[in-house]
Amino acid sequence: RKGRCPVRKHRQRGKALELHVGRMFGGRRRRSGEGVEFDDCVAVDGSPLPISLECKSFERLQLRQAWIDQAIRNSHGRPWAVVQRPTGSRRIYATVELSFLHSLAKRAGLLPGEENDGRA
């Protein structure tokens, strides 16, 4: 509709993404001003999730150093992810540190030779 504020629509998309991602991880979207942490998603009781999730919903997929810095700062040492869903996409993408992805793949038994503790 003409006359709608694009910033408002962007915020609504961002809130919807936070709600969806929070539920995927067994939590919920953090309400504005809630708690002392700044994670976008928290556990149902408002405590931090085991992974810090920084959600971004923009027109195009992108990666900004400021987003990574924000995710690391908000994580307080926990694993972190920058989660994105570009406008019009059904896919949700996550950017994480490679060492975190490696540890997940190792625990899931997805790496060759893992049945021998990584030795062939």
PDB file of N, CA and C in Angstrom:
ATOM      1  N   ARG A   1       0.833  -1.191   0.000  1.00  0.00           N
ATOM      2  CA  ARG A   1       0.000   0.000   0.000  1.00  0.00           C
ATOM      3  C   ARG A   1       0.866   1.237   0.000  1.00  0.00           C
ATOM      4  N   LYS A   2       0.419   2.234  -0.722  1.00  0.00           N
ATOM      5  CA  LYS A   2       1.135   3.495  -0.746  1.00  0.00           C
ATOM      6  C   LYS A   2       1.043   4.186   0.601  1.00  0.00           C
ATOM      7  N   GLY A   3       2.108   4.858   0.968  1.00  0.00           N
ATOM      8  CA  GLY A   3       2.098   5.608   2.201  1.00  0.00           C
ATOM      9  C   GLY A   3       2.553   4.829   3.432  1.00  0.00           C
ATOM     10  N   ARG A   4       2.794   3.530   3.273  1.00  0.00           N
ATOM     11  CA  ARG A   4       3.264   2.742   4.416  1.00  0.00           C
ATOM     12  C   ARG A   4       4.736   3.028   4.646  1.00  0.00           C
ATOM     13  N   CYS A   5       5.137   3.030   5.851  1.00  0.00           N
ATOM     14  CA  CYS A   5       6.517   3.320   6.224  1.00  0.00           C
ATOM     15  C   CYS A   5       7.380   2.076   6.032  1.00  0.00           C
ATOM     16  N   PRO A   6       8.414   2.141   5.159  1.00  0.00           N
ATOM     17  CA  PRO A   6       9.262   0.967   4.949  1.00  0.00           C
ATOM     18  C   PRO A   6      10.025   0.556   6.202  1.00  0.00           C
ATOM     19  N   VAL A   7      10.353   1.492   7.068  1.00  0.00           N
ATOM     20  CA  VAL A   7      11.070   1.164   8.306  1.00  0.00           C
ATOM     21  C   VAL A   7      10.166   0.327   9.208  1.00  0.00           C
ATOM     22  N   ARG A   8       8.906   0.685   9.284  1.00  0.00           N
ATOM     23  CA  ARG A   8       7.951  -0.058  10.103  1.00  0.00           C
ATOM     24  C   ARG A   8       7.811  -1.490   9.588  1.00  0.00           C
ATOM     25  N   LYS A   9       7.707  -1.648   8.281  1.00  0.00           N
ATOM     26  CA  LYS A   9       7.577  -2.974   7.678  1.00  0.00           C
ATOM     27  C   LYS A   9       8.831  -3.806   7.944  1.00  0.00           C
ATOM     28  N   HIS A  10       9.998  -3.169   7.838  1.00  0.00           N
ATOM     29  CA  HIS A  10      11.271  -3.844   8.112  1.00  0.00           C
ATOM     30  C   HIS A  10      11.298  -4.336   9.561  1.00  0.00           C
ATOM     31  N   ARG A  11      10.855  -3.505  10.493  1.00  0.00           N
ATOM     32  CA  ARG A  11      10.830  -3.897  11.912  1.00  0.00           C
ATOM     33  C   ARG A  11       9.876  -5.051  12.142  1.00  0.00           C
ATOM     34  N   GLN A  12       8.731  -5.034  11.466  1.00  0.00           N
ATOM     35  CA  GLN A  12       7.761  -6.123  11.607  1.00  0.00           C
ATOM     36  C   GLN A  12       8.358  -7.436  11.095  1.00  0.00           C
ATOM     37  N   ARG A  13       9.072  -7.395   9.966  1.00  0.00           N
ATOM     38  CA  ARG A  13       9.735  -8.598   9.442  1.00  0.00           C
ATOM     39  C   ARG A  13      10.783  -9.097  10.419  1.00  0.00           C
ATOM     40  N   GLY A  14      11.544  -8.158  11.006  1.00  0.00           N
ATOM     41  CA  GLY A  14      12.569  -8.519  11.977  1.00  0.00           C
ATOM     42  C   GLY A  14      11.970  -9.176  13.214  1.00  0.00           C
ATOM     43  N   LYS A  15      10.873  -8.633  13.712  1.00  0.00           N
ATOM     44  CA  LYS A  15      10.210  -9.216  14.883  1.00  0.00           C
ATOM     45  C   LYS A  15       9.672 -10.604  14.568  1.00  0.00           C
ATOM     46  N   ALA A  16       9.108 -10.769  13.367  1.00  0.00           N
ATOM     47  CA  ALA A  16       8.581 -12.085  12.963  1.00  0.00           C
ATOM     48  C   ALA A  16       9.713 -13.106  12.878  1.00  0.00           C
ATOM     49  N   LEU A  17      10.875 -12.697  12.360  1.00  0.00           N
ATOM     50  CA  LEU A  17      12.021 -13.601  12.277  1.00  0.00           C
ATOM     51  C   LEU A  17      12.494 -13.976  13.679  1.00  0.00           C
ATOM     52  N   GLU A  18      12.600 -13.007  14.583  1.00  0.00           N
ATOM     53  CA  GLU A  18      13.014 -13.283  15.955  1.00  0.00           C
ATOM     54  C   GLU A  18      12.049 -14.267  16.627  1.00  0.00           C
ATOM     55  N   LEU A  19      10.765 -14.079  16.420  1.00  0.00           N
ATOM     56  CA  LEU A  19       9.758 -14.974  16.991  1.00  0.00           C
ATOM     57  C   LEU A  19       9.935 -16.396  16.465  1.00  0.00           C
ATOM     58  N   HIS A  20      10.106 -16.526  15.145  1.00  0.00           N
ATOM     59  CA  HIS A  20      10.264 -17.833  14.510  1.00  0.00           C
ATOM     60  C   HIS A  20      11.541 -18.536  14.992  1.00  0.00           C
ATOM     61  N   VAL A  21      12.650 -17.818  14.980  1.00  0.00           N
ATOM     62  CA  VAL A  21      13.939 -18.393  15.382  1.00  0.00           C
ATOM     63  C   VAL A  21      13.917 -18.748  16.865  1.00  0.00           C
ATOM     64  N   GLY A  22      13.359 -17.875  17.684  1.00  0.00           N
ATOM     65  CA  GLY A  22      13.256 -18.168  19.114  1.00  0.00           C
ATOM     66  C   GLY A  22      12.520 -19.476  19.362  1.00  0.00           C
ATOM     67  N   ARG A  23      11.422 -19.666  18.663  1.00  0.00           N
ATOM     68  CA  ARG A  23      10.647 -20.906  18.815  1.00  0.00           C
ATOM     69  C   ARG A  23      11.434 -22.115  18.311  1.00  0.00           C
ATOM     70  N   MET A  24      12.192 -21.946  17.228  1.00  0.00           N
ATOM     71  CA  MET A  24      13.005 -23.056  16.708  1.00  0.00           C
ATOM     72  C   MET A  24      13.992 -23.555  17.761  1.00  0.00           C
ATOM     73  N   PHE A  25      14.491 -22.649  18.589  1.00  0.00           N
ATOM     74  CA  PHE A  25      15.494 -22.996  19.593  1.00  0.00           C
ATOM     75  C   PHE A  25      14.881 -23.210  20.979  1.00  0.00           C
ATOM     76  N   GLY A  26      13.557 -23.403  21.022  1.00  0.00           N
ATOM     77  CA  GLY A  26      12.885 -23.705  22.276  1.00  0.00           C
ATOM     78  C   GLY A  26      12.662 -22.508  23.175  1.00  0.00           C
ATOM     79  N   GLY A  27      12.763 -21.325  22.609  1.00  0.00           N
ATOM     80  CA  GLY A  27      12.589 -20.108  23.399  1.00  0.00           C
ATOM     81  C   GLY A  27      11.553 -19.191  22.786  1.00  0.00           C
ATOM     82  N   ARG A  28      11.852 -17.916  22.869  1.00  0.00           N
ATOM     83  CA  ARG A  28      10.939 -16.896  22.361  1.00  0.00           C
ATOM     84  C   ARG A  28      11.720 -15.639  22.018  1.00  0.00           C
ATOM     85  N   ARG A  29      11.030 -14.676  21.462  1.00  0.00           N
ATOM     86  CA  ARG A  29      11.610 -13.377  21.143  1.00  0.00           C
ATOM     87  C   ARG A  29      11.751 -12.572  22.439  1.00  0.00           C
ATOM     88  N   ARG A  30      12.887 -11.900  22.607  1.00  0.00           N
ATOM     89  CA  ARG A  30      13.087 -11.028  23.772  1.00  0.00           C
ATOM     90  C   ARG A  30      12.294  -9.743  23.557  1.00  0.00           C
ATOM     91  N   ARG A  31      11.539  -9.362  24.552  1.00  0.00           N
ATOM     92  CA  ARG A  31      10.780  -8.113  24.466  1.00  0.00           C
ATOM     93  C   ARG A  31      11.704  -6.928  24.687  1.00  0.00           C
ATOM     94  N   SER A  32      11.385  -5.816  24.085  1.00  0.00           N
ATOM     95  CA  SER A  32      12.186  -4.598  24.207  1.00  0.00           C
ATOM     96  C   SER A  32      12.339  -4.203  25.673  1.00  0.00           C
ATOM     97  N   GLY A  33      13.589  -4.001  26.085  1.00  0.00           N
ATOM     98  CA  GLY A  33      13.866  -3.578  27.443  1.00  0.00           C
ATOM     99  C   GLY A  33      13.841  -4.684  28.478  1.00  0.00           C
ATOM    100  N   GLU A  34      13.596  -5.911  28.041  1.00  0.00           N
ATOM    101  CA  GLU A  34      13.516  -7.036  28.973  1.00  0.00           C
ATOM    102  C   GLU A  34      14.905  -7.536  29.336  1.00  0.00           C
ATOM    103  N   GLY A  35      15.153  -7.689  30.609  1.00  0.00           N
ATOM    104  CA  GLY A  35      16.407  -8.278  31.067  1.00  0.00           C
ATOM    105  C   GLY A  35      17.610  -7.379  30.839  1.00  0.00           C
ATOM    106  N   VAL A  36      18.761  -7.894  31.196  1.00  0.00           N
ATOM    107  CA  VAL A  36      19.997  -7.126  31.056  1.00  0.00           C
ATOM    108  C   VAL A  36      20.789  -7.558  29.829  1.00  0.00           C
ATOM    109  N   GLU A  37      20.425  -8.689  29.251  1.00  0.00           N
ATOM    110  CA  GLU A  37      21.108  -9.179  28.051  1.00  0.00           C
ATOM    111  C   GLU A  37      20.478  -8.544  26.815  1.00  0.00           C
ATOM    112  N   PHE A  38      21.149  -8.688  25.670  1.00  0.00           N
ATOM    113  CA  PHE A  38      20.649  -8.078  24.444  1.00  0.00           C
ATOM    114  C   PHE A  38      20.401  -9.092  23.339  1.00  0.00           C
ATOM    115  N   ASP A  39      20.336 -10.379  23.697  1.00  0.00           N
ATOM    116  CA  ASP A  39      20.035 -11.395  22.692  1.00  0.00           C
ATOM    117  C   ASP A  39      18.659 -11.131  22.095  1.00  0.00           C
ATOM    118  N   ASP A  40      18.505 -11.430  20.800  1.00  0.00           N
ATOM    119  CA  ASP A  40      17.199 -11.282  20.161  1.00  0.00           C
ATOM    120  C   ASP A  40      16.228 -12.364  20.620  1.00  0.00           C
ATOM    121  N   CYS A  41      16.761 -13.527  20.986  1.00  0.00           N
ATOM    122  CA  CYS A  41      15.934 -14.658  21.408  1.00  0.00           C
ATOM    123  C   CYS A  41      16.411 -15.137  22.774  1.00  0.00           C
ATOM    124  N   VAL A  42      15.451 -15.484  23.630  1.00  0.00           N
ATOM    125  CA  VAL A  42      15.755 -15.945  24.984  1.00  0.00           C
ATOM    126  C   VAL A  42      14.952 -17.202  25.271  1.00  0.00           C
ATOM    127  N   ALA A  43      15.284 -17.882  26.367  1.00  0.00           N
ATOM    128  CA  ALA A  43      14.498 -19.031  26.817  1.00  0.00           C
ATOM    129  C   ALA A  43      13.113 -18.534  27.233  1.00  0.00           C
ATOM    130  N   VAL A  44      12.172 -19.435  27.351  1.00  0.00           N
ATOM    131  CA  VAL A  44      10.795 -19.078  27.704  1.00  0.00           C
ATOM    132  C   VAL A  44      10.750 -18.274  29.008  1.00  0.00           C
ATOM    133  N   ASP A  45      11.632 -18.617  29.956  1.00  0.00           N
ATOM    134  CA  ASP A  45      11.646 -17.910  31.248  1.00  0.00           C
ATOM    135  C   ASP A  45      12.419 -16.589  31.202  1.00  0.00           C
ATOM    136  N   GLY A  46      12.942 -16.224  30.014  1.00  0.00           N
ATOM    137  CA  GLY A  46      13.667 -14.966  29.858  1.00  0.00           C
ATOM    138  C   GLY A  46      15.165 -15.070  30.051  1.00  0.00           C
ATOM    139  N   SER A  47      15.651 -16.238  30.441  1.00  0.00           N
ATOM    140  CA  SER A  47      17.096 -16.421  30.609  1.00  0.00           C
ATOM    141  C   SER A  47      17.758 -16.620  29.238  1.00  0.00           C
ATOM    142  N   PRO A  48      19.072 -16.443  29.165  1.00  0.00           N
ATOM    143  CA  PRO A  48      19.756 -16.619  27.883  1.00  0.00           C
ATOM    144  C   PRO A  48      19.682 -18.059  27.378  1.00  0.00           C
ATOM    145  N   LEU A  49      19.578 -18.222  26.073  1.00  0.00           N
ATOM    146  CA  LEU A  49      19.667 -19.542  25.450  1.00  0.00           C
ATOM    147  C   LEU A  49      21.130 -19.982  25.462  1.00  0.00           C
ATOM    148  N   PRO A  50      21.419 -21.269  25.247  1.00  0.00           N
ATOM    149  CA  PRO A  50      22.813 -21.730  25.196  1.00  0.00           C
ATOM    150  C   PRO A  50      23.601 -21.124  24.030  1.00  0.00           C
ATOM    151  N   ILE A  51      22.896 -20.606  23.012  1.00  0.00           N
ATOM    152  CA  ILE A  51      23.533 -19.948  21.875  1.00  0.00           C
ATOM    153  C   ILE A  51      22.914 -18.561  21.724  1.00  0.00           C
ATOM    154  N   SER A  52      23.752 -17.578  21.488  1.00  0.00           N
ATOM    155  CA  SER A  52      23.286 -16.211  21.297  1.00  0.00           C
ATOM    156  C   SER A  52      22.889 -16.021  19.833  1.00  0.00           C
ATOM    157  N   LEU A  53      21.659 -15.572  19.602  1.00  0.00           N
ATOM    158  CA  LEU A  53      21.126 -15.437  18.244  1.00  0.00           C
ATOM    159  C   LEU A  53      20.872 -13.973  17.922  1.00  0.00           C
ATOM    160  N   GLU A  54      21.531 -13.480  16.886  1.00  0.00           N
ATOM    161  CA  GLU A  54      21.360 -12.108  16.415  1.00  0.00           C
ATOM    162  C   GLU A  54      20.627 -12.186  15.081  1.00  0.00           C
ATOM    163  N   CYS A  55      19.353 -11.775  15.050  1.00  0.00           N
ATOM    164  CA  CYS A  55      18.505 -11.933  13.864  1.00  0.00           C
ATOM    165  C   CYS A  55      18.471 -10.664  13.029  1.00  0.00           C
ATOM    166  N   LYS A  56      18.583 -10.840  11.714  1.00  0.00           N
ATOM    167  CA  LYS A  56      18.562  -9.721  10.773  1.00  0.00           C
ATOM    168  C   LYS A  56      17.657 -10.083   9.605  1.00  0.00           C
ATOM    169  N   SER A  57      16.752  -9.169   9.274  1.00  0.00           N
ATOM    170  CA  SER A  57      15.835  -9.399   8.156  1.00  0.00           C
ATOM    171  C   SER A  57      15.926  -8.196   7.219  1.00  0.00           C
ATOM    172  N   PHE A  58      16.718  -8.340   6.177  1.00  0.00           N
ATOM    173  CA  PHE A  58      16.911  -7.269   5.208  1.00  0.00           C
ATOM    174  C   PHE A  58      16.498  -7.747   3.827  1.00  0.00           C
ATOM    175  N   GLU A  59      16.441  -6.821   2.893  1.00  0.00           N
ATOM    176  CA  GLU A  59      16.002  -7.154   1.535  1.00  0.00           C
ATOM    177  C   GLU A  59      16.906  -8.202   0.890  1.00  0.00           C
ATOM    178  N   ARG A  60      18.204  -8.038   1.065  1.00  0.00           N
ATOM    179  CA  ARG A  60      19.172  -8.961   0.467  1.00  0.00           C
ATOM    180  C   ARG A  60      20.062  -9.565   1.538  1.00  0.00           C
ATOM    181  N   LEU A  61      20.508 -10.774   1.268  1.00  0.00           N
ATOM    182  CA  LEU A  61      21.452 -11.439   2.150  1.00  0.00           C
ATOM    183  C   LEU A  61      22.740 -10.626   2.177  1.00  0.00           C
ATOM    184  N   GLN A  62      23.272 -10.374   3.356  1.00  0.00           N
ATOM    185  CA  GLN A  62      24.495  -9.597   3.485  1.00  0.00           C
ATOM    186  C   GLN A  62      25.187  -9.958   4.791  1.00  0.00           C
ATOM    187  N   LEU A  63      26.408  -9.548   4.923  1.00  0.00           N
ATOM    188  CA  LEU A  63      27.145  -9.795   6.153  1.00  0.00           C
ATOM    189  C   LEU A  63      27.921  -8.522   6.483  1.00  0.00           C
ATOM    190  N   ARG A  64      27.721  -8.033   7.671  1.00  0.00           N
ATOM    191  CA  ARG A  64      28.385  -6.811   8.109  1.00  0.00           C
ATOM    192  C   ARG A  64      29.241  -7.117   9.339  1.00  0.00           C
ATOM    193  N   GLN A  65      30.425  -6.545   9.373  1.00  0.00           N
ATOM    194  CA  GLN A  65      31.311  -6.725  10.519  1.00  0.00           C
ATOM    195  C   GLN A  65      30.631  -6.269  11.802  1.00  0.00           C
ATOM    196  N   ALA A  66      29.855  -5.204  11.719  1.00  0.00           N
ATOM    197  CA  ALA A  66      29.162  -4.693  12.907  1.00  0.00           C
ATOM    198  C   ALA A  66      28.198  -5.737  13.474  1.00  0.00           C
ATOM    199  N   TRP A  67      27.571  -6.531  12.610  1.00  0.00           N
ATOM    200  CA  TRP A  67      26.649  -7.575  13.080  1.00  0.00           C
ATOM    201  C   TRP A  67      27.411  -8.662  13.825  1.00  0.00           C
ATOM    202  N   ILE A  68      28.559  -9.061  13.269  1.00  0.00           N
ATOM    203  CA  ILE A  68      29.385 -10.078  13.924  1.00  0.00           C
ATOM    204  C   ILE A  68      29.884  -9.552  15.267  1.00  0.00           C
ATOM    205  N   ASP A  69      30.359  -8.311  15.274  1.00  0.00           N
ATOM    206  CA  ASP A  69      30.827  -7.707  16.529  1.00  0.00           C
ATOM    207  C   ASP A  69      29.705  -7.676  17.561  1.00  0.00           C
ATOM    208  N   GLN A  70      28.500  -7.326  17.131  1.00  0.00           N
ATOM    209  CA  GLN A  70      27.345  -7.285  18.028  1.00  0.00           C
ATOM    210  C   GLN A  70      27.027  -8.672  18.582  1.00  0.00           C
ATOM    211  N   ALA A  71      27.044  -9.677  17.706  1.00  0.00           N
ATOM    212  CA  ALA A  71      26.754 -11.052  18.126  1.00  0.00           C
ATOM    213  C   ALA A  71      27.785 -11.540  19.146  1.00  0.00           C
ATOM    214  N   ILE A  72      29.058 -11.270  18.888  1.00  0.00           N
ATOM    215  CA  ILE A  72      30.125 -11.686  19.806  1.00  0.00           C
ATOM    216  C   ILE A  72      29.982 -10.960  21.148  1.00  0.00           C
ATOM    217  N   ARG A  73      29.733  -9.676  21.095  1.00  0.00           N
ATOM    218  CA  ARG A  73      29.579  -8.871  22.319  1.00  0.00           C
ATOM    219  C   ARG A  73      28.387  -9.367  23.161  1.00  0.00           C
ATOM    220  N   ASN A  74      27.273  -9.650  22.491  1.00  0.00           N
ATOM    221  CA  ASN A  74      26.072 -10.098  23.197  1.00  0.00           C
ATOM    222  C   ASN A  74      26.196 -11.522  23.730  1.00  0.00           C
ATOM    223  N   SER A  75      27.092 -12.310  23.144  1.00  0.00           N
ATOM    224  CA  SER A  75      27.188 -13.732  23.514  1.00  0.00           C
ATOM    225  C   SER A  75      27.832 -13.966  24.874  1.00  0.00           C
ATOM    226  N   HIS A  76      28.674 -13.051  25.320  1.00  0.00           N
ATOM    227  CA  HIS A  76      29.386 -13.218  26.602  1.00  0.00           C
ATOM    228  C   HIS A  76      30.056 -14.586  26.685  1.00  0.00           C
ATOM    229  N   GLY A  77      30.691 -15.000  25.590  1.00  0.00           N
ATOM    230  CA  GLY A  77      31.448 -16.256  25.575  1.00  0.00           C
ATOM    231  C   GLY A  77      30.668 -17.475  25.103  1.00  0.00           C
ATOM    232  N   ARG A  78      29.360 -17.355  24.945  1.00  0.00           N
ATOM    233  CA  ARG A  78      28.566 -18.479  24.424  1.00  0.00           C
ATOM    234  C   ARG A  78      28.760 -18.555  22.914  1.00  0.00           C
ATOM    235  N   PRO A  79      28.439 -19.691  22.301  1.00  0.00           N
ATOM    236  CA  PRO A  79      28.420 -19.730  20.834  1.00  0.00           C
ATOM    237  C   PRO A  79      27.399 -18.702  20.343  1.00  0.00           C
ATOM    238  N   TRP A  80      27.623 -18.172  19.143  1.00  0.00           N
ATOM    239  CA  TRP A  80      26.748 -17.147  18.593  1.00  0.00           C
ATOM    240  C   TRP A  80      26.449 -17.442  17.129  1.00  0.00           C
ATOM    241  N   ALA A  81      25.370 -16.843  16.643  1.00  0.00           N
ATOM    242  CA  ALA A  81      25.018 -16.939  15.227  1.00  0.00           C
ATOM    243  C   ALA A  81      24.338 -15.649  14.789  1.00  0.00           C
ATOM    244  N   VAL A  82      24.692 -15.191  13.599  1.00  0.00           N
ATOM    245  CA  VAL A  82      23.954 -14.108  12.949  1.00  0.00           C
ATOM    246  C   VAL A  82      22.980 -14.812  12.014  1.00  0.00           C
ATOM    247  N   VAL A  83      21.688 -14.636  12.267  1.00  0.00           N
ATOM    248  CA  VAL A  83      20.636 -15.346  11.546  1.00  0.00           C
ATOM    249  C   VAL A  83      19.942 -14.368  10.607  1.00  0.00           C
ATOM    250  N   GLN A  84      19.789 -14.774   9.326  1.00  0.00           N
ATOM    251  CA  GLN A  84      19.191 -13.871   8.343  1.00  0.00           C
ATOM    252  C   GLN A  84      18.134 -14.568   7.503  1.00  0.00           C
ATOM    253  N   ARG A  85      17.108 -13.820   7.162  1.00  0.00           N
ATOM    254  CA  ARG A  85      16.139 -14.257   6.161  1.00  0.00           C
ATOM    255  C   ARG A  85      15.902 -13.064   5.244  1.00  0.00           C
ATOM    256  N   PRO A  86      16.408 -13.147   4.005  1.00  0.00           N
ATOM    257  CA  PRO A  86      16.170 -12.041   3.070  1.00  0.00           C
ATOM    258  C   PRO A  86      14.676 -11.916   2.750  1.00  0.00           C
ATOM    259  N   THR A  87      14.248 -10.728   2.425  1.00  0.00           N
ATOM    260  CA  THR A  87      12.858 -10.476   2.073  1.00  0.00           C
ATOM    261  C   THR A  87      12.411 -11.411   0.959  1.00  0.00           C
ATOM    262  N   GLY A  88      11.268 -12.043   1.152  1.00  0.00           N
ATOM    263  CA  GLY A  88      10.697 -12.925   0.136  1.00  0.00           C
ATOM    264  C   GLY A  88      11.258 -14.333   0.133  1.00  0.00           C
ATOM    265  N   SER A  89      12.230 -14.611   0.985  1.00  0.00           N
ATOM    266  CA  SER A  89      12.849 -15.939   1.017  1.00  0.00           C
ATOM    267  C   SER A  89      12.200 -16.795   2.097  1.00  0.00           C
ATOM    268  N   ARG A  90      12.087 -18.081   1.825  1.00  0.00           N
ATOM    269  CA  ARG A  90      11.621 -19.022   2.847  1.00  0.00           C
ATOM    270  C   ARG A  90      12.805 -19.588   3.627  1.00  0.00           C
ATOM    271  N   ARG A  91      13.991 -19.448   3.077  1.00  0.00           N
ATOM    272  CA  ARG A  91      15.192 -19.978   3.730  1.00  0.00           C
ATOM    273  C   ARG A  91      15.729 -19.011   4.769  1.00  0.00           C
ATOM    274  N   ILE A  92      16.255 -19.591   5.820  1.00  0.00           N
ATOM    275  CA  ILE A  92      16.909 -18.819   6.873  1.00  0.00           C
ATOM    276  C   ILE A  92      18.362 -19.269   6.908  1.00  0.00           C
ATOM    277  N   TYR A  93      19.266 -18.315   6.922  1.00  0.00           N
ATOM    278  CA  TYR A  93      20.699 -18.595   6.882  1.00  0.00           C
ATOM    279  C   TYR A  93      21.333 -18.184   8.203  1.00  0.00           C
ATOM    280  N   ALA A  94      22.409 -18.880   8.578  1.00  0.00           N
ATOM    281  CA  ALA A  94      23.131 -18.541   9.800  1.00  0.00           C
ATOM    282  C   ALA A  94      24.618 -18.436   9.505  1.00  0.00           C
ATOM    283  N   THR A  95      25.240 -17.425  10.064  1.00  0.00           N
ATOM    284  CA  THR A  95      26.685 -17.256  10.000  1.00  0.00           C
ATOM    285  C   THR A  95      27.230 -17.542  11.395  1.00  0.00           C
ATOM    286  N   VAL A  96      28.178 -18.471  11.464  1.00  0.00           N
ATOM    287  CA  VAL A  96      28.806 -18.846  12.734  1.00  0.00           C
ATOM    288  C   VAL A  96      30.311 -18.947  12.517  1.00  0.00           C
ATOM    289  N   GLU A  97      31.043 -19.028  13.612  1.00  0.00           N
ATOM    290  CA  GLU A  97      32.485 -19.280  13.505  1.00  0.00           C
ATOM    291  C   GLU A  97      32.695 -20.705  13.004  1.00  0.00           C
ATOM    292  N   LEU A  98      33.690 -20.888  12.153  1.00  0.00           N
ATOM    293  CA  LEU A  98      33.958 -22.206  11.587  1.00  0.00           C
ATOM    294  C   LEU A  98      34.252 -23.236  12.681  1.00  0.00           C
ATOM    295  N   SER A  99      34.940 -22.842  13.742  1.00  0.00           N
ATOM    296  CA  SER A  99      35.248 -23.790  14.820  1.00  0.00           C
ATOM    297  C   SER A  99      33.962 -24.311  15.476  1.00  0.00           C
ATOM    298  N   PHE A 100      32.937 -23.481  15.592  1.00  0.00           N
ATOM    299  CA  PHE A 100      31.654 -23.910  16.150  1.00  0.00           C
ATOM    300  C   PHE A 100      30.972 -24.890  15.199  1.00  0.00           C
ATOM    301  N   LEU A 101      30.956 -24.580  13.920  1.00  0.00           N
ATOM    302  CA  LEU A 101      30.365 -25.484  12.928  1.00  0.00           C
ATOM    303  C   LEU A 101      31.101 -26.823  12.925  1.00  0.00           C
ATOM    304  N   HIS A 102      32.421 -26.780  13.020  1.00  0.00           N
ATOM    305  CA  HIS A 102      33.225 -27.994  13.050  1.00  0.00           C
ATOM    306  C   HIS A 102      32.856 -28.852  14.267  1.00  0.00           C
ATOM    307  N   SER A 103      32.710 -28.213  15.425  1.00  0.00           N
ATOM    308  CA  SER A 103      32.375 -28.988  16.628  1.00  0.00           C
ATOM    309  C   SER A 103      30.983 -29.616  16.508  1.00  0.00           C
ATOM    310  N   LEU A 104      30.037 -28.919  15.897  1.00  0.00           N
ATOM    311  CA  LEU A 104      28.701 -29.483  15.681  1.00  0.00           C
ATOM    312  C   LEU A 104      28.760 -30.684  14.735  1.00  0.00           C
ATOM    313  N   ALA A 105      29.505 -30.526  13.642  1.00  0.00           N
ATOM    314  CA  ALA A 105      29.636 -31.618  12.669  1.00  0.00           C
ATOM    315  C   ALA A 105      30.322 -32.825  13.302  1.00  0.00           C
ATOM    316  N   LYS A 106      31.318 -32.571  14.128  1.00  0.00           N
ATOM    317  CA  LYS A 106      32.034 -33.659  14.805  1.00  0.00           C
ATOM    318  C   LYS A 106      31.103 -34.413  15.755  1.00  0.00           C
ATOM    319  N   ARG A 107      30.342 -33.667  16.573  1.00  0.00           N
ATOM    320  CA  ARG A 107      29.403 -34.288  17.518  1.00  0.00           C
ATOM    321  C   ARG A 107      28.316 -35.079  16.805  1.00  0.00           C
ATOM    322  N   ALA A 108      27.944 -34.613  15.612  1.00  0.00           N
ATOM    323  CA  ALA A 108      26.891 -35.288  14.846  1.00  0.00           C
ATOM    324  C   ALA A 108      27.437 -36.470  14.046  1.00  0.00           C
ATOM    325  N   GLY A 109      28.758 -36.687  14.080  1.00  0.00           N
ATOM    326  CA  GLY A 109      29.363 -37.797  13.343  1.00  0.00           C
ATOM    327  C   GLY A 109      29.390 -37.582  11.843  1.00  0.00           C
ATOM    328  N   LEU A 110      29.441 -36.337  11.419  1.00  0.00           N
ATOM    329  CA  LEU A 110      29.413 -36.011   9.985  1.00  0.00           C
ATOM    330  C   LEU A 110      30.798 -35.924   9.346  1.00  0.00           C
ATOM    331  N   LEU A 111      31.847 -36.013  10.138  1.00  0.00           N
ATOM    332  CA  LEU A 111      33.198 -35.886   9.596  1.00  0.00           C
ATOM    333  C   LEU A 111      33.788 -37.268   9.346  1.00  0.00           C
ATOM    334  N   PRO A 112      34.478 -37.454   8.211  1.00  0.00           N
ATOM    335  CA  PRO A 112      35.071 -38.759   7.931  1.00  0.00           C
ATOM    336  C   PRO A 112      36.109 -39.124   8.988  1.00  0.00           C
ATOM    337  N   GLY A 113      36.102 -40.382   9.378  1.00  0.00           N
ATOM    338  CA  GLY A 113      37.073 -40.872  10.349  1.00  0.00           C
ATOM    339  C   GLY A 113      36.704 -40.561  11.781  1.00  0.00           C
ATOM    340  N   GLU A 114      35.547 -39.959  12.014  1.00  0.00           N
ATOM    341  CA  GLU A 114      35.173 -39.598  13.389  1.00  0.00           C
ATOM    342  C   GLU A 114      34.910 -40.819  14.256  1.00  0.00           C
ATOM    343  N   GLU A 115      34.612 -41.959  13.641  1.00  0.00           N
ATOM    344  CA  GLU A 115      34.420 -43.156  14.450  1.00  0.00           C
ATOM    345  C   GLU A 115      35.725 -43.597  15.105  1.00  0.00           C
ATOM    346  N   ASN A 116      36.847 -43.066  14.603  1.00  0.00           N
ATOM    347  CA  ASN A 116      38.169 -43.358  15.184  1.00  0.00           C
ATOM    348  C   ASN A 116      38.750 -42.105  15.831  1.00  0.00           C
ATOM    349  N   ASP A 117      37.855 -41.243  16.355  1.00  0.00           N
ATOM    350  CA  ASP A 117      38.286 -40.015  16.996  1.00  0.00           C
ATOM    351  C   ASP A 117      39.101 -39.118  16.068  1.00  0.00           C
ATOM    352  N   GLY A 118      38.671 -39.059  14.787  1.00  0.00           N
ATOM    353  CA  GLY A 118      39.313 -38.174  13.826  1.00  0.00           C
ATOM    354  C   GLY A 118      40.540 -38.747  13.136  1.00  0.00           C
ATOM    355  N   ARG A 119      40.960 -39.964  13.520  1.00  0.00           N
ATOM    356  CA  ARG A 119      42.142 -40.570  12.898  1.00  0.00           C
ATOM    357  C   ARG A 119      41.678 -41.642  11.937  1.00  0.00           C
ATOM    358  N   ALA A 120      42.221 -41.624  10.741  1.00  0.00           N
ATOM    359  CA  ALA A 120      41.839 -42.598   9.719  1.00  0.00           C
ATOM    360  C   ALA A 120      42.395 -43.966  10.016  1.00  0.00           C
TER     361      ALA A 120
END
